Amino acid sequence: MSSIAALRLGNPVERLARVLKENQDKLNLSKDGFVSVDLSNEEAMKAIRSQMDKLEGIKTSTVKRAR
């Protein structure tokens, strides 16, 4: 990533705070700081399904390992 692109993304701490704030209805935050997705939130599930649908088109290959 270029340094210009990194500057546009901003400070990682600020970026994390922004993402957590923007998605607070889709996330659970425990007292010890563990963040998890609220799977009972319909918007969160829709976003997960959308990402899974995008993965469906990725071609994969298997690699045989020597034993």
C-alpha atoms as a PDB file:
ATOM      1  CA  MET A   1       0.000   0.000   0.000  1.00  0.00           C
ATOM      2  CA  SER A   2       1.362   3.415  -0.870  1.00  0.00           C
ATOM      3  CA  SER A   3       1.906   5.977   1.848  1.00  0.00           C
ATOM      4  CA  ILE A   4      -0.704   8.221   0.212  1.00  0.00           C
ATOM      5  CA  ALA A   5      -3.309   5.445   0.397  1.00  0.00           C
ATOM      6  CA  ALA A   6      -2.371   4.815   4.021  1.00  0.00           C
ATOM      7  CA  LEU A   7      -2.900   8.496   4.844  1.00  0.00           C
ATOM      8  CA  ARG A   8      -6.371   8.406   3.317  1.00  0.00           C
ATOM      9  CA  LEU A   9      -7.286   5.479   5.565  1.00  0.00           C
ATOM     10  CA  GLY A  10      -6.238   7.469   8.612  1.00  0.00           C
ATOM     11  CA  ASN A  11      -4.823   6.437  11.930  1.00  0.00           C
ATOM     12  CA  PRO A  12      -5.597   2.737  12.628  1.00  0.00           C
ATOM     13  CA  VAL A  13      -6.982   3.535  16.093  1.00  0.00           C
ATOM     14  CA  GLU A  14      -9.233   6.267  14.704  1.00  0.00           C
ATOM     15  CA  ARG A  15     -10.315   3.998  11.859  1.00  0.00           C
ATOM     16  CA  LEU A  16     -11.222   1.205  14.293  1.00  0.00           C
ATOM     17  CA  ALA A  17     -13.158   3.643  16.486  1.00  0.00           C
ATOM     18  CA  ARG A  18     -15.052   4.925  13.429  1.00  0.00           C
ATOM     19  CA  VAL A  19     -15.927   1.421  12.222  1.00  0.00           C
ATOM     20  CA  LEU A  20     -17.083   0.356  15.692  1.00  0.00           C
ATOM     21  CA  LYS A  21     -19.208   3.492  16.041  1.00  0.00           C
ATOM     22  CA  GLU A  22     -20.743   3.146  12.550  1.00  0.00           C
ATOM     23  CA  ASN A  23     -21.586  -0.519  13.162  1.00  0.00           C
ATOM     24  CA  GLN A  24     -22.479  -0.478  16.854  1.00  0.00           C
ATOM     25  CA  ASP A  25     -25.935  -1.938  16.157  1.00  0.00           C
ATOM     26  CA  LYS A  26     -24.348  -4.931  14.374  1.00  0.00           C
ATOM     27  CA  LEU A  27     -21.669  -5.690  16.969  1.00  0.00           C
ATOM     28  CA  ASN A  28     -21.380  -6.901  20.540  1.00  0.00           C
ATOM     29  CA  LEU A  29     -18.539  -5.578  22.684  1.00  0.00           C
ATOM     30  CA  SER A  30     -17.730  -7.494  25.865  1.00  0.00           C
ATOM     31  CA  LYS A  31     -16.284  -5.951  29.033  1.00  0.00           C
ATOM     32  CA  ASP A  32     -12.862  -7.386  28.186  1.00  0.00           C
ATOM     33  CA  GLY A  33     -12.892  -5.747  24.728  1.00  0.00           C
ATOM     34  CA  PHE A  34     -13.840  -8.780  22.643  1.00  0.00           C
ATOM     35  CA  VAL A  35     -15.809  -7.702  19.551  1.00  0.00           C
ATOM     36  CA  SER A  36     -18.244 -10.115  17.903  1.00  0.00           C
ATOM     37  CA  VAL A  37     -20.880  -9.826  15.196  1.00  0.00           C
ATOM     38  CA  ASP A  38     -24.492  -9.751  16.396  1.00  0.00           C
ATOM     39  CA  LEU A  39     -25.922 -12.615  14.335  1.00  0.00           C
ATOM     40  CA  SER A  40     -29.458 -11.697  15.383  1.00  0.00           C
ATOM     41  CA  ASN A  41     -29.107  -8.398  13.471  1.00  0.00           C
ATOM     42  CA  GLU A  42     -30.677  -8.752  10.015  1.00  0.00           C
ATOM     43  CA  GLU A  43     -28.373  -6.138   8.439  1.00  0.00           C
ATOM     44  CA  ALA A  44     -25.310  -7.994   9.720  1.00  0.00           C
ATOM     45  CA  MET A  45     -26.615 -11.292   8.337  1.00  0.00           C
ATOM     46  CA  LYS A  46     -27.381  -9.653   4.978  1.00  0.00           C
ATOM     47  CA  ALA A  47     -23.807  -8.314   4.806  1.00  0.00           C
ATOM     48  CA  ILE A  48     -22.389 -11.758   5.658  1.00  0.00           C
ATOM     49  CA  ARG A  49     -24.544 -13.423   2.984  1.00  0.00           C
ATOM     50  CA  SER A  50     -23.408 -10.832   0.439  1.00  0.00           C
ATOM     51  CA  GLN A  51     -19.745 -11.535   1.212  1.00  0.00           C
ATOM     52  CA  MET A  52     -20.317 -15.303   1.037  1.00  0.00           C
ATOM     53  CA  ASP A  53     -22.004 -14.910  -2.361  1.00  0.00           C
ATOM     54  CA  LYS A  54     -18.932 -13.042  -3.621  1.00  0.00           C
ATOM     55  CA  LEU A  55     -16.682 -15.879  -2.423  1.00  0.00           C
ATOM     56  CA  GLU A  56     -18.749 -18.403  -4.354  1.00  0.00           C
ATOM     57  CA  GLY A  57     -17.221 -17.289  -7.664  1.00  0.00           C
ATOM     58  CA  ILE A  58     -13.584 -17.653  -6.591  1.00  0.00           C
ATOM     59  CA  LYS A  59     -11.791 -20.494  -8.317  1.00  0.00           C
ATOM     60  CA  THR A  60      -9.635 -22.676  -6.121  1.00  0.00           C
ATOM     61  CA  SER A  61      -7.140 -25.427  -6.702  1.00  0.00           C
ATOM     62  CA  THR A  62      -5.840 -28.133  -4.454  1.00  0.00           C
ATOM     63  CA  VAL A  63      -2.183 -28.686  -3.761  1.00  0.00           C
ATOM     64  CA  LYS A  64      -0.965 -32.159  -2.920  1.00  0.00           C
ATOM     65  CA  ARG A  65       1.498 -32.244  -0.074  1.00  0.00           C
ATOM     66  CA  ALA A  66       4.458 -34.594  -0.096  1.00  0.00           C
ATOM     67  CA  ARG A  67       4.582 -36.922   2.881  1.00  0.00           C
END
